[in-house]
Amino acid sequence: MVVQRTLKREMTEETSTTSHLSVAMTTMNAGEMNATGRNSMTSSSSNFEFYSSIAVVVIAFVGIVGNALVLYALFESKQHKKLILIVNQNALDLFSSFAVLVVYVLKLCNIYLTGTLGYWLCMLLLNENVIWGGTNGSTINLAAITVDRYLKVVHPVWSRKWLRPWVIHSAVAFSWLAGIGYNTVVVFLTSIVINGVCYGYLPDTFVSVLQYRVYLGWYIVSFYFVILAIFIFCYGRILVAVRRQARVMAAHSAAGSSTAQTQAQAQAHHMQSNVIKTMILVSAFYAITWGPAFGLYVVGWINYPQVTVVDSRHYMTLFVGFLYTCANPFIYATKFNPVRKVLKSLIPCIQQ
């Protein structure tokens, strides 16, 4: 259906291509409304896009190395079986970083798209399908980690009864399938190739302005405000529960019950607190780095179709958003004890 629509536009609407692209370039999308190809922008815009792409490639490379090292440390420290969702978080961020590297290197090559190969390059890579599939999956998994921590700390009895391994593995599978599957459907319905240029997430491919606003509004609410609400509620309740547990343990210590069991509980409590602090930082960093991009999406939703977003603001917000995937490994490396110990062991000049 998409191929037929593309061919029809190229063959029967050649005279209206300029106006079509004018509308496309002045509207907003839920992931990124991008154009990749020759002569797609003015000289100044093209230069800014070029240097922005170089910066994104550097970020992606750092993200690949960092997430790969954290995954290695999680397996080396034998934490991968205990922290399945956190392992999956780093795997998704590694996938997203690799996708960003591949896609933006292809963008820098400025390929003129023709034929079947050009069509599939657009649909699978140049419209950033794989990037946003991994990014959306990472967001879903981050929410799953938050809920998992909340249940284990605030409702420990209930979690031991119902949070079976198959539930955790189902959450892992859902984050991949939902993130990539949902995004693939969207890009196939909203991406086209015109005159060798790949246009992704075109708002004017929607039936009406109302349909576009419903979709964009759903995306903004689901992938930012709902996620933010989950962070605030769950970690707020977790911090209250952890403080209560700390007071109880302090009372036991004061009573002189320094048994081996109490010491084991204290160690488990410390480990749990370490994980919670790490994930709070990761969640806060998500809210901060992706806030500007979603703020620009809100502006586009309000002003559609008048507002222009394919400019420096657009690329700057995406640049900041991609920092989330790149910087996450540094949070794990500095705040999560098992990961920090393994990574320190890789540096010869640092003694444990």
C-alpha atoms as a PDB file:
ATOM      1  CA  MET A   1       0.000   0.000   0.000  1.00  0.00           C
ATOM      2  CA  VAL A   2       2.857   2.352   0.850  1.00  0.00           C
ATOM      3  CA  VAL A   3       4.705   1.507  -2.366  1.00  0.00           C
ATOM      4  CA  GLN A   4       1.611   2.179  -4.432  1.00  0.00           C
ATOM      5  CA  ARG A   5       1.069   5.497  -2.694  1.00  0.00           C
ATOM      6  CA  THR A   6       4.695   6.500  -3.309  1.00  0.00           C
ATOM      7  CA  LEU A   7       4.609   5.601  -6.998  1.00  0.00           C
ATOM      8  CA  LYS A   8       1.306   7.360  -7.478  1.00  0.00           C
ATOM      9  CA  ARG A   9       2.653  10.539  -5.908  1.00  0.00           C
ATOM     10  CA  GLU A  10       5.771  10.469  -8.041  1.00  0.00           C
ATOM     11  CA  MET A  11       3.904   9.799 -11.313  1.00  0.00           C
ATOM     12  CA  THR A  12       0.662  11.759 -10.982  1.00  0.00           C
ATOM     13  CA  GLU A  13       1.482  14.528  -8.516  1.00  0.00           C
ATOM     14  CA  GLU A  14       4.840  15.762  -9.827  1.00  0.00           C
ATOM     15  CA  THR A  15       3.485  19.276 -10.211  1.00  0.00           C
ATOM     16  CA  SER A  16       2.442  19.404  -6.583  1.00  0.00           C
ATOM     17  CA  THR A  17       5.668  17.972  -5.087  1.00  0.00           C
ATOM     18  CA  THR A  18       6.956  21.375  -4.017  1.00  0.00           C
ATOM     19  CA  SER A  19       3.796  22.250  -2.119  1.00  0.00           C
ATOM     20  CA  HIS A  20       3.652  18.736  -0.642  1.00  0.00           C
ATOM     21  CA  LEU A  21       7.165  19.005   0.743  1.00  0.00           C
ATOM     22  CA  SER A  22       6.483  22.529   1.965  1.00  0.00           C
ATOM     23  CA  VAL A  23       3.677  21.205   4.123  1.00  0.00           C
ATOM     24  CA  ALA A  24       5.793  18.250   5.259  1.00  0.00           C
ATOM     25  CA  MET A  25       8.719  20.404   6.298  1.00  0.00           C
ATOM     26  CA  THR A  26       6.589  22.716   8.451  1.00  0.00           C
ATOM     27  CA  THR A  27       4.931  20.109  10.623  1.00  0.00           C
ATOM     28  CA  MET A  28       5.658  18.028  13.689  1.00  0.00           C
ATOM     29  CA  ASN A  29       5.901  14.331  14.398  1.00  0.00           C
ATOM     30  CA  ALA A  30       6.027  11.938  17.343  1.00  0.00           C
ATOM     31  CA  GLY A  31       9.501  10.588  16.754  1.00  0.00           C
ATOM     32  CA  GLU A  32      11.322  12.650  14.152  1.00  0.00           C
ATOM     33  CA  MET A  33      10.117  14.215  10.909  1.00  0.00           C
ATOM     34  CA  ASN A  34      13.252  13.862   8.822  1.00  0.00           C
ATOM     35  CA  ALA A  35      14.400  14.184   5.263  1.00  0.00           C
ATOM     36  CA  THR A  36      17.431  12.275   4.005  1.00  0.00           C
ATOM     37  CA  GLY A  37      18.767  12.736   0.497  1.00  0.00           C
ATOM     38  CA  ARG A  38      20.347  15.166  -1.908  1.00  0.00           C
ATOM     39  CA  ASN A  39      19.283  18.794  -2.062  1.00  0.00           C
ATOM     40  CA  SER A  40      16.783  18.283   0.753  1.00  0.00           C
ATOM     41  CA  MET A  41      17.708  21.420   2.734  1.00  0.00           C
ATOM     42  CA  THR A  42      19.214  24.843   2.310  1.00  0.00           C
ATOM     43  CA  SER A  43      22.978  25.215   2.550  1.00  0.00           C
ATOM     44  CA  SER A  44      23.008  26.543   6.132  1.00  0.00           C
ATOM     45  CA  SER A  45      20.521  23.933   7.336  1.00  0.00           C
ATOM     46  CA  SER A  46      22.477  21.214   5.564  1.00  0.00           C
ATOM     47  CA  ASN A  47      25.710  22.304   7.260  1.00  0.00           C
ATOM     48  CA  PHE A  48      24.050  22.300  10.671  1.00  0.00           C
ATOM     49  CA  GLU A  49      22.582  18.853   9.979  1.00  0.00           C
ATOM     50  CA  PHE A  50      26.004  17.577   8.897  1.00  0.00           C
ATOM     51  CA  TYR A  51      27.785  18.669  12.070  1.00  0.00           C
ATOM     52  CA  SER A  52      24.857  17.502  14.210  1.00  0.00           C
ATOM     53  CA  SER A  53      25.090  14.097  12.555  1.00  0.00           C
ATOM     54  CA  ILE A  54      28.821  13.916  13.283  1.00  0.00           C
ATOM     55  CA  ALA A  55      28.138  14.687  16.947  1.00  0.00           C
ATOM     56  CA  VAL A  56      25.402  12.045  17.099  1.00  0.00           C
ATOM     57  CA  VAL A  57      27.750   9.440  15.576  1.00  0.00           C
ATOM     58  CA  VAL A  58      30.302  10.188  18.317  1.00  0.00           C
ATOM     59  CA  ILE A  59      27.588   9.862  20.988  1.00  0.00           C
ATOM     60  CA  ALA A  60      26.439   6.572  19.471  1.00  0.00           C
ATOM     61  CA  PHE A  61      29.963   5.151  19.512  1.00  0.00           C
ATOM     62  CA  VAL A  62      30.405   6.082  23.175  1.00  0.00           C
ATOM     63  CA  GLY A  63      26.999   4.539  23.913  1.00  0.00           C
ATOM     64  CA  ILE A  64      27.975   1.271  22.210  1.00  0.00           C
ATOM     65  CA  VAL A  65      31.237   0.966  24.140  1.00  0.00           C
ATOM     66  CA  GLY A  66      29.689   2.004  27.457  1.00  0.00           C
ATOM     67  CA  ASN A  67      26.642  -0.255  27.304  1.00  0.00           C
ATOM     68  CA  ALA A  68      28.754  -3.193  26.106  1.00  0.00           C
ATOM     69  CA  LEU A  69      31.105  -2.761  29.083  1.00  0.00           C
ATOM     70  CA  VAL A  70      28.206  -2.553  31.542  1.00  0.00           C
ATOM     71  CA  LEU A  71      26.665  -5.714  30.092  1.00  0.00           C
ATOM     72  CA  TYR A  72      30.021  -7.464  30.421  1.00  0.00           C
ATOM     73  CA  ALA A  73      30.308  -6.309  34.035  1.00  0.00           C
ATOM     74  CA  LEU A  74      26.774  -7.498  34.861  1.00  0.00           C
ATOM     75  CA  PHE A  75      27.558 -10.980  33.529  1.00  0.00           C
ATOM     76  CA  GLU A  76      31.028 -11.095  35.045  1.00  0.00           C
ATOM     77  CA  SER A  77      29.682 -10.141  38.483  1.00  0.00           C
ATOM     78  CA  LYS A  78      26.965 -12.830  38.199  1.00  0.00           C
ATOM     79  CA  GLN A  79      24.228 -10.191  38.504  1.00  0.00           C
ATOM     80  CA  HIS A  80      22.589 -10.971  35.164  1.00  0.00           C
ATOM     81  CA  LYS A  81      20.332 -13.671  36.644  1.00  0.00           C
ATOM     82  CA  LYS A  82      19.222 -11.452  39.524  1.00  0.00           C
ATOM     83  CA  LEU A  83      18.743  -8.243  37.527  1.00  0.00           C
ATOM     84  CA  ILE A  84      17.218  -9.459  34.281  1.00  0.00           C
ATOM     85  CA  LEU A  85      15.341  -6.241  33.550  1.00  0.00           C
ATOM     86  CA  ILE A  86      18.437  -4.097  34.122  1.00  0.00           C
ATOM     87  CA  VAL A  87      20.411  -6.356  31.760  1.00  0.00           C
ATOM     88  CA  ASN A  88      17.619  -5.915  29.226  1.00  0.00           C
ATOM     89  CA  GLN A  89      17.757  -2.134  29.718  1.00  0.00           C
ATOM     90  CA  ASN A  90      21.413  -2.067  28.766  1.00  0.00           C
ATOM     91  CA  ALA A  91      20.796  -4.449  25.865  1.00  0.00           C
ATOM     92  CA  LEU A  92      18.108  -2.124  24.491  1.00  0.00           C
ATOM     93  CA  ASP A  93      20.350   0.915  24.957  1.00  0.00           C
ATOM     94  CA  LEU A  94      23.179  -0.950  23.200  1.00  0.00           C
ATOM     95  CA  PHE A  95      20.823  -1.790  20.324  1.00  0.00           C
ATOM     96  CA  SER A  96      19.654   1.837  20.110  1.00  0.00           C
ATOM     97  CA  SER A  97      23.233   3.146  20.139  1.00  0.00           C
ATOM     98  CA  PHE A  98      24.248   0.774  17.348  1.00  0.00           C
ATOM     99  CA  ALA A  99      21.148   1.752  15.349  1.00  0.00           C
ATOM    100  CA  VAL A 100      21.959   5.453  15.755  1.00  0.00           C
ATOM    101  CA  LEU A 101      25.520   4.845  14.544  1.00  0.00           C
ATOM    102  CA  VAL A 102      24.420   2.916  11.432  1.00  0.00           C
ATOM    103  CA  VAL A 103      21.584   5.269  10.498  1.00  0.00           C
ATOM    104  CA  TYR A 104      23.553   8.480  10.899  1.00  0.00           C
ATOM    105  CA  VAL A 105      26.560   7.130   9.013  1.00  0.00           C
ATOM    106  CA  LEU A 106      24.163   6.345   6.158  1.00  0.00           C
ATOM    107  CA  LYS A 107      22.732   9.853   6.427  1.00  0.00           C
ATOM    108  CA  LEU A 108      26.221  11.294   6.101  1.00  0.00           C
ATOM    109  CA  CYS A 109      26.674   9.264   2.900  1.00  0.00           C
ATOM    110  CA  ASN A 110      23.766  11.246   1.397  1.00  0.00           C
ATOM    111  CA  ILE A 111      22.485   8.314  -0.665  1.00  0.00           C
ATOM    112  CA  TYR A 112      20.129   9.015  -3.570  1.00  0.00           C
ATOM    113  CA  LEU A 113      17.348   6.454  -3.132  1.00  0.00           C
ATOM    114  CA  THR A 114      16.037   4.583  -6.162  1.00  0.00           C
ATOM    115  CA  GLY A 115      14.193   1.341  -6.830  1.00  0.00           C
ATOM    116  CA  THR A 116      13.351  -1.402  -4.366  1.00  0.00           C
ATOM    117  CA  LEU A 117      16.644  -1.089  -2.467  1.00  0.00           C
ATOM    118  CA  GLY A 118      16.108   2.627  -1.944  1.00  0.00           C
ATOM    119  CA  TYR A 119      12.567   2.024  -0.726  1.00  0.00           C
ATOM    120  CA  TRP A 120      13.650  -0.540   1.882  1.00  0.00           C
ATOM    121  CA  LEU A 121      16.608   1.577   2.997  1.00  0.00           C
ATOM    122  CA  CYS A 122      14.113   4.322   3.703  1.00  0.00           C
ATOM    123  CA  MET A 123      11.554   2.123   5.453  1.00  0.00           C
ATOM    124  CA  LEU A 124      13.990   0.203   7.638  1.00  0.00           C
ATOM    125  CA  LEU A 125      16.887   2.577   8.303  1.00  0.00           C
ATOM    126  CA  LEU A 126      16.862   6.121   6.965  1.00  0.00           C
ATOM    127  CA  ASN A 127      13.489   6.987   8.485  1.00  0.00           C
ATOM    128  CA  GLU A 128      15.051   5.973  11.824  1.00  0.00           C
ATOM    129  CA  ASN A 129      12.695   3.053  12.362  1.00  0.00           C
ATOM    130  CA  VAL A 130      15.265   0.946  14.241  1.00  0.00           C
ATOM    131  CA  ILE A 131      16.378   3.884  16.389  1.00  0.00           C
ATOM    132  CA  TRP A 132      12.929   4.735  17.684  1.00  0.00           C
ATOM    133  CA  GLY A 133      11.965   1.079  17.995  1.00  0.00           C
ATOM    134  CA  GLY A 134      14.868   0.533  20.396  1.00  0.00           C
ATOM    135  CA  THR A 135      14.280   3.853  22.167  1.00  0.00           C
ATOM    136  CA  ASN A 136      10.584   3.146  22.730  1.00  0.00           C
ATOM    137  CA  GLY A 137      11.423  -0.359  23.960  1.00  0.00           C
ATOM    138  CA  SER A 138      13.980   1.110  26.372  1.00  0.00           C
ATOM    139  CA  THR A 139      11.330   3.450  27.768  1.00  0.00           C
ATOM    140  CA  ILE A 140       8.868   0.595  28.262  1.00  0.00           C
ATOM    141  CA  ASN A 141      11.527  -1.513  29.980  1.00  0.00           C
ATOM    142  CA  LEU A 142      12.515   1.375  32.257  1.00  0.00           C
ATOM    143  CA  ALA A 143       8.895   1.613  33.408  1.00  0.00           C
ATOM    144  CA  ALA A 144       8.886  -2.169  33.979  1.00  0.00           C
ATOM    145  CA  ILE A 145      12.011  -1.897  36.154  1.00  0.00           C
ATOM    146  CA  THR A 146      10.355   0.842  38.199  1.00  0.00           C
ATOM    147  CA  VAL A 147       7.206  -1.218  38.788  1.00  0.00           C
ATOM    148  CA  ASP A 148       9.312  -4.303  39.597  1.00  0.00           C
ATOM    149  CA  ARG A 149      11.341  -2.394  42.226  1.00  0.00           C
ATOM    150  CA  TYR A 150       8.136  -0.911  43.657  1.00  0.00           C
ATOM    151  CA  LEU A 151       6.459  -4.297  44.088  1.00  0.00           C
ATOM    152  CA  LYS A 152       9.534  -5.934  45.608  1.00  0.00           C
ATOM    153  CA  VAL A 153      10.065  -3.165  48.162  1.00  0.00           C
ATOM    154  CA  VAL A 154       6.541  -1.968  48.979  1.00  0.00           C
ATOM    155  CA  HIS A 155       4.663  -5.266  48.488  1.00  0.00           C
ATOM    156  CA  PRO A 156       7.328  -7.955  49.090  1.00  0.00           C
ATOM    157  CA  VAL A 157       4.895 -10.766  49.992  1.00  0.00           C
ATOM    158  CA  TRP A 158       2.746 -10.173  46.933  1.00  0.00           C
ATOM    159  CA  SER A 159       5.806  -9.919  44.650  1.00  0.00           C
ATOM    160  CA  ARG A 160       7.291 -13.202  45.892  1.00  0.00           C
ATOM    161  CA  LYS A 161       4.015 -14.911  45.116  1.00  0.00           C
ATOM    162  CA  TRP A 162       3.270 -13.427  41.691  1.00  0.00           C
ATOM    163  CA  LEU A 163       6.502 -12.098  40.180  1.00  0.00           C
ATOM    164  CA  ARG A 164       7.609 -15.431  38.788  1.00  0.00           C
ATOM    165  CA  PRO A 165      10.494 -15.721  36.300  1.00  0.00           C
ATOM    166  CA  TRP A 166       8.034 -16.091  33.420  1.00  0.00           C
ATOM    167  CA  VAL A 167       6.505 -12.711  34.311  1.00  0.00           C
ATOM    168  CA  ILE A 168       9.901 -11.007  34.169  1.00  0.00           C
ATOM    169  CA  HIS A 169      10.809 -12.736  30.901  1.00  0.00           C
ATOM    170  CA  SER A 170       7.425 -11.734  29.470  1.00  0.00           C
ATOM    171  CA  ALA A 171       8.162  -8.096  30.370  1.00  0.00           C
ATOM    172  CA  VAL A 172      11.517  -8.382  28.590  1.00  0.00           C
ATOM    173  CA  ALA A 173       9.899  -9.782  25.446  1.00  0.00           C
ATOM    174  CA  PHE A 174       7.108  -7.195  25.554  1.00  0.00           C
ATOM    175  CA  SER A 175       9.562  -4.280  25.699  1.00  0.00           C
ATOM    176  CA  TRP A 176      11.230  -5.478  22.477  1.00  0.00           C
ATOM    177  CA  LEU A 177       8.081  -6.490  20.603  1.00  0.00           C
ATOM    178  CA  ALA A 178       5.995  -3.474  21.610  1.00  0.00           C
ATOM    179  CA  GLY A 179       8.752  -0.923  21.007  1.00  0.00           C
ATOM    180  CA  ILE A 180       9.861  -2.234  17.616  1.00  0.00           C
ATOM    181  CA  GLY A 181       6.471  -3.529  16.441  1.00  0.00           C
ATOM    182  CA  TYR A 182       4.565  -0.341  17.187  1.00  0.00           C
ATOM    183  CA  ASN A 183       7.192   1.869  15.593  1.00  0.00           C
ATOM    184  CA  THR A 184       7.438  -0.303  12.465  1.00  0.00           C
ATOM    185  CA  VAL A 185       3.712   0.026  11.833  1.00  0.00           C
ATOM    186  CA  VAL A 186       3.894   3.812  12.212  1.00  0.00           C
ATOM    187  CA  VAL A 187       6.860   4.322   9.880  1.00  0.00           C
ATOM    188  CA  PHE A 188       5.443   2.099   7.141  1.00  0.00           C
ATOM    189  CA  LEU A 189       2.269   4.175   7.156  1.00  0.00           C
ATOM    190  CA  THR A 190       3.962   7.581   7.327  1.00  0.00           C
ATOM    191  CA  SER A 191       7.196   7.256   5.277  1.00  0.00           C
ATOM    192  CA  ILE A 192       7.677   7.798   1.542  1.00  0.00           C
ATOM    193  CA  VAL A 193      10.478   8.258  -1.004  1.00  0.00           C
ATOM    194  CA  ILE A 194      10.204  11.222  -3.374  1.00  0.00           C
ATOM    195  CA  ASN A 195      12.915  12.193  -5.865  1.00  0.00           C
ATOM    196  CA  GLY A 196      15.551  10.117  -4.099  1.00  0.00           C
ATOM    197  CA  VAL A 197      14.724  11.543  -0.666  1.00  0.00           C
ATOM    198  CA  CYS A 198      13.400   9.551   2.316  1.00  0.00           C
ATOM    199  CA  TYR A 199      10.710  11.368   4.278  1.00  0.00           C
ATOM    200  CA  GLY A 200       9.803   9.750   7.591  1.00  0.00           C
ATOM    201  CA  TYR A 201       6.903  10.338   9.983  1.00  0.00           C
ATOM    202  CA  LEU A 202       5.105  12.726   7.631  1.00  0.00           C
ATOM    203  CA  PRO A 203       2.134  14.305   9.430  1.00  0.00           C
ATOM    204  CA  ASP A 204       0.263  14.902   6.167  1.00  0.00           C
ATOM    205  CA  THR A 205       0.013  11.132   5.605  1.00  0.00           C
ATOM    206  CA  PHE A 206      -2.657  11.087   8.311  1.00  0.00           C
ATOM    207  CA  VAL A 207      -6.273  11.273   7.190  1.00  0.00           C
ATOM    208  CA  SER A 208      -6.987  14.493   9.080  1.00  0.00           C
ATOM    209  CA  VAL A 209      -5.526  17.017  11.477  1.00  0.00           C
ATOM    210  CA  LEU A 210      -7.637  15.471  14.249  1.00  0.00           C
ATOM    211  CA  GLN A 211      -6.219  11.996  13.599  1.00  0.00           C
ATOM    212  CA  TYR A 212      -2.672  13.351  13.679  1.00  0.00           C
ATOM    213  CA  ARG A 213      -3.278  15.242  16.907  1.00  0.00           C
ATOM    214  CA  VAL A 214      -4.830  12.185  18.541  1.00  0.00           C
ATOM    215  CA  TYR A 215      -1.817  10.081  17.583  1.00  0.00           C
ATOM    216  CA  LEU A 216       0.793  12.661  18.619  1.00  0.00           C
ATOM    217  CA  GLY A 217      -1.066  13.406  21.854  1.00  0.00           C
ATOM    218  CA  TRP A 218      -1.187   9.696  22.663  1.00  0.00           C
ATOM    219  CA  TYR A 219       2.545   9.357  22.017  1.00  0.00           C
ATOM    220  CA  ILE A 220       3.458  12.338  24.204  1.00  0.00           C
ATOM    221  CA  VAL A 221       1.256  11.223  27.094  1.00  0.00           C
ATOM    222  CA  SER A 222       2.203   7.529  26.889  1.00  0.00           C
ATOM    223  CA  PHE A 223       5.969   7.822  26.463  1.00  0.00           C
ATOM    224  CA  TYR A 224       6.642  10.810  28.692  1.00  0.00           C
ATOM    225  CA  PHE A 225       3.934  11.917  31.101  1.00  0.00           C
ATOM    226  CA  VAL A 226       2.710   8.431  32.032  1.00  0.00           C
ATOM    227  CA  ILE A 227       6.318   7.233  32.394  1.00  0.00           C
ATOM    228  CA  LEU A 228       7.111  10.285  34.532  1.00  0.00           C
ATOM    229  CA  ALA A 229       4.056   9.599  36.725  1.00  0.00           C
ATOM    230  CA  ILE A 230       5.199   5.988  37.216  1.00  0.00           C
ATOM    231  CA  PHE A 231       8.659   7.203  38.277  1.00  0.00           C
ATOM    232  CA  ILE A 232       7.295   9.734  40.771  1.00  0.00           C
ATOM    233  CA  PHE A 233       4.701   7.427  42.330  1.00  0.00           C
ATOM    234  CA  CYS A 234       6.778   4.250  42.532  1.00  0.00           C
ATOM    235  CA  TYR A 235      10.071   5.744  43.685  1.00  0.00           C
ATOM    236  CA  GLY A 236       8.265   8.037  46.119  1.00  0.00           C
ATOM    237  CA  ARG A 237       6.634   5.024  47.772  1.00  0.00           C
ATOM    238  CA  ILE A 238       9.915   3.079  47.587  1.00  0.00           C
ATOM    239  CA  LEU A 239      11.854   5.779  49.444  1.00  0.00           C
ATOM    240  CA  VAL A 240       9.218   5.861  52.191  1.00  0.00           C
ATOM    241  CA  ALA A 241       9.380   2.050  52.543  1.00  0.00           C
ATOM    242  CA  VAL A 242      13.198   1.994  52.563  1.00  0.00           C
ATOM    243  CA  ARG A 243      13.346   4.601  55.337  1.00  0.00           C
ATOM    244  CA  ARG A 244      10.852   2.588  57.352  1.00  0.00           C
ATOM    245  CA  GLN A 245      12.928  -0.571  56.900  1.00  0.00           C
ATOM    246  CA  ALA A 246      16.072   1.306  57.922  1.00  0.00           C
ATOM    247  CA  ARG A 247      14.438   2.442  61.164  1.00  0.00           C
ATOM    248  CA  VAL A 248      13.342  -1.114  61.927  1.00  0.00           C
ATOM    249  CA  MET A 249      16.859  -2.466  61.336  1.00  0.00           C
ATOM    250  CA  ALA A 250      18.336   0.300  63.481  1.00  0.00           C
ATOM    251  CA  ALA A 251      15.977  -0.642  66.301  1.00  0.00           C
ATOM    252  CA  HIS A 252      17.063  -4.299  66.076  1.00  0.00           C
ATOM    253  CA  SER A 253      20.731  -3.288  66.179  1.00  0.00           C
ATOM    254  CA  ALA A 254      20.116  -1.077  69.207  1.00  0.00           C
ATOM    255  CA  ALA A 255      18.443  -4.002  70.956  1.00  0.00           C
ATOM    256  CA  GLY A 256      21.651  -6.010  70.541  1.00  0.00           C
ATOM    257  CA  SER A 257      20.335  -8.552  68.033  1.00  0.00           C
ATOM    258  CA  SER A 258      23.494  -8.613  65.892  1.00  0.00           C
ATOM    259  CA  THR A 259      22.984 -12.127  64.642  1.00  0.00           C
ATOM    260  CA  ALA A 260      24.166 -13.535  61.321  1.00  0.00           C
ATOM    261  CA  GLN A 261      20.606 -13.261  60.047  1.00  0.00           C
ATOM    262  CA  THR A 262      20.462  -9.574  60.900  1.00  0.00           C
ATOM    263  CA  GLN A 263      23.767  -8.980  59.150  1.00  0.00           C
ATOM    264  CA  ALA A 264      22.536 -10.817  56.060  1.00  0.00           C
ATOM    265  CA  GLN A 265      19.385  -8.702  56.055  1.00  0.00           C
ATOM    266  CA  ALA A 266      21.476  -5.551  56.364  1.00  0.00           C
ATOM    267  CA  GLN A 267      23.629  -6.608  53.408  1.00  0.00           C
ATOM    268  CA  ALA A 268      20.564  -7.410  51.288  1.00  0.00           C
ATOM    269  CA  HIS A 269      19.044  -4.069  52.279  1.00  0.00           C
ATOM    270  CA  HIS A 270      22.225  -2.243  51.242  1.00  0.00           C
ATOM    271  CA  MET A 271      22.283  -4.015  47.874  1.00  0.00           C
ATOM    272  CA  GLN A 272      18.629  -3.203  47.290  1.00  0.00           C
ATOM    273  CA  SER A 273      19.166   0.444  48.205  1.00  0.00           C
ATOM    274  CA  ASN A 274      22.111   0.599  45.790  1.00  0.00           C
ATOM    275  CA  VAL A 275      19.969  -0.687  42.937  1.00  0.00           C
ATOM    276  CA  ILE A 276      17.154   1.721  43.812  1.00  0.00           C
ATOM    277  CA  LYS A 277      19.478   4.748  43.921  1.00  0.00           C
ATOM    278  CA  THR A 278      20.961   3.761  40.557  1.00  0.00           C
ATOM    279  CA  MET A 279      17.560   3.394  38.905  1.00  0.00           C
ATOM    280  CA  ILE A 280      16.305   6.668  40.379  1.00  0.00           C
ATOM    281  CA  LEU A 281      19.241   8.432  38.715  1.00  0.00           C
ATOM    282  CA  VAL A 282      18.579   6.632  35.408  1.00  0.00           C
ATOM    283  CA  SER A 283      14.883   7.579  35.550  1.00  0.00           C
ATOM    284  CA  ALA A 284      15.620  11.203  36.456  1.00  0.00           C
ATOM    285  CA  PHE A 285      18.114  11.411  33.605  1.00  0.00           C
ATOM    286  CA  TYR A 286      15.467  10.098  31.186  1.00  0.00           C
ATOM    287  CA  ALA A 287      13.014  12.794  32.321  1.00  0.00           C
ATOM    288  CA  ILE A 288      15.627  15.551  31.946  1.00  0.00           C
ATOM    289  CA  THR A 289      17.196  14.549  28.620  1.00  0.00           C
ATOM    290  CA  TRP A 290      13.976  13.735  26.785  1.00  0.00           C
ATOM    291  CA  GLY A 291      12.038  16.651  28.313  1.00  0.00           C
ATOM    292  CA  PRO A 292      13.106  19.218  25.662  1.00  0.00           C
ATOM    293  CA  ALA A 293      12.166  16.911  22.760  1.00  0.00           C
ATOM    294  CA  PHE A 294       8.730  16.163  24.172  1.00  0.00           C
ATOM    295  CA  GLY A 295       8.295  19.864  24.951  1.00  0.00           C
ATOM    296  CA  LEU A 296       8.878  20.589  21.261  1.00  0.00           C
ATOM    297  CA  TYR A 297       6.375  17.864  20.371  1.00  0.00           C
ATOM    298  CA  VAL A 298       3.799  19.601  22.559  1.00  0.00           C
ATOM    299  CA  VAL A 299       4.464  22.880  20.726  1.00  0.00           C
ATOM    300  CA  GLY A 300       3.965  21.055  17.427  1.00  0.00           C
ATOM    301  CA  TRP A 301       0.712  19.502  18.670  1.00  0.00           C
ATOM    302  CA  ILE A 302      -0.651  22.918  19.676  1.00  0.00           C
ATOM    303  CA  ASN A 303       0.430  24.817  16.553  1.00  0.00           C
ATOM    304  CA  TYR A 304       0.069  22.131  13.865  1.00  0.00           C
ATOM    305  CA  PRO A 305       0.495  22.736  10.919  1.00  0.00           C
ATOM    306  CA  GLN A 306       1.977  26.240  11.243  1.00  0.00           C
ATOM    307  CA  VAL A 307       5.013  25.597  13.455  1.00  0.00           C
ATOM    308  CA  THR A 308       8.390  24.790  11.872  1.00  0.00           C
ATOM    309  CA  VAL A 309      10.529  22.333  13.828  1.00  0.00           C
ATOM    310  CA  VAL A 310      13.099  21.012  11.357  1.00  0.00           C
ATOM    311  CA  ASP A 311      15.655  23.552  12.523  1.00  0.00           C
ATOM    312  CA  SER A 312      18.358  23.923  15.158  1.00  0.00           C
ATOM    313  CA  ARG A 313      15.831  23.430  17.995  1.00  0.00           C
ATOM    314  CA  HIS A 314      14.741  20.114  16.544  1.00  0.00           C
ATOM    315  CA  TYR A 315      18.256  18.707  16.173  1.00  0.00           C
ATOM    316  CA  MET A 316      19.400  20.072  19.523  1.00  0.00           C
ATOM    317  CA  THR A 317      16.541  18.384  21.408  1.00  0.00           C
ATOM    318  CA  LEU A 318      17.258  15.068  19.697  1.00  0.00           C
ATOM    319  CA  PHE A 319      20.960  15.472  20.451  1.00  0.00           C
ATOM    320  CA  VAL A 320      20.163  15.928  24.153  1.00  0.00           C
ATOM    321  CA  GLY A 321      17.769  12.963  24.038  1.00  0.00           C
ATOM    322  CA  PHE A 322      20.417  10.670  22.570  1.00  0.00           C
ATOM    323  CA  LEU A 323      22.694  11.649  25.469  1.00  0.00           C
ATOM    324  CA  TYR A 324      20.429   9.510  27.671  1.00  0.00           C
ATOM    325  CA  THR A 325      21.455   6.317  25.872  1.00  0.00           C
ATOM    326  CA  CYS A 326      25.099   7.377  25.881  1.00  0.00           C
ATOM    327  CA  ALA A 327      25.367   8.455  29.525  1.00  0.00           C
ATOM    328  CA  ASN A 328      23.394   5.634  31.167  1.00  0.00           C
ATOM    329  CA  PRO A 329      26.437   3.323  31.347  1.00  0.00           C
ATOM    330  CA  PHE A 330      28.364   5.950  33.319  1.00  0.00           C
ATOM    331  CA  ILE A 331      25.584   6.004  35.932  1.00  0.00           C
ATOM    332  CA  TYR A 332      25.809   2.226  36.335  1.00  0.00           C
ATOM    333  CA  ALA A 333      29.595   2.364  36.398  1.00  0.00           C
ATOM    334  CA  THR A 334      29.759   4.970  39.167  1.00  0.00           C
ATOM    335  CA  LYS A 335      26.727   4.079  41.304  1.00  0.00           C
ATOM    336  CA  PHE A 336      26.146   0.313  40.994  1.00  0.00           C
ATOM    337  CA  ASN A 337      28.742  -1.490  43.136  1.00  0.00           C
ATOM    338  CA  PRO A 338      29.001  -4.853  41.266  1.00  0.00           C
ATOM    339  CA  VAL A 339      29.477  -3.084  37.927  1.00  0.00           C
ATOM    340  CA  ARG A 340      31.969  -0.617  39.391  1.00  0.00           C
ATOM    341  CA  LYS A 341      34.106  -3.389  40.882  1.00  0.00           C
ATOM    342  CA  VAL A 342      34.342  -5.322  37.604  1.00  0.00           C
ATOM    343  CA  LEU A 343      35.130  -2.224  35.547  1.00  0.00           C
ATOM    344  CA  LYS A 344      37.808  -1.141  38.039  1.00  0.00           C
ATOM    345  CA  SER A 345      39.414  -4.560  37.677  1.00  0.00           C
ATOM    346  CA  LEU A 346      39.847  -3.895  33.941  1.00  0.00           C
ATOM    347  CA  ILE A 347      42.088  -0.902  34.705  1.00  0.00           C
ATOM    348  CA  PRO A 348      45.597  -2.190  35.612  1.00  0.00           C
ATOM    349  CA  CYS A 349      46.696   0.942  37.486  1.00  0.00           C
ATOM    350  CA  ILE A 350      43.733   0.793  39.914  1.00  0.00           C
ATOM    351  CA  GLN A 351      44.094  -1.584  42.837  1.00  0.00           C
ATOM    352  CA  GLN A 352      40.939  -3.061  44.316  1.00  0.00           C
END
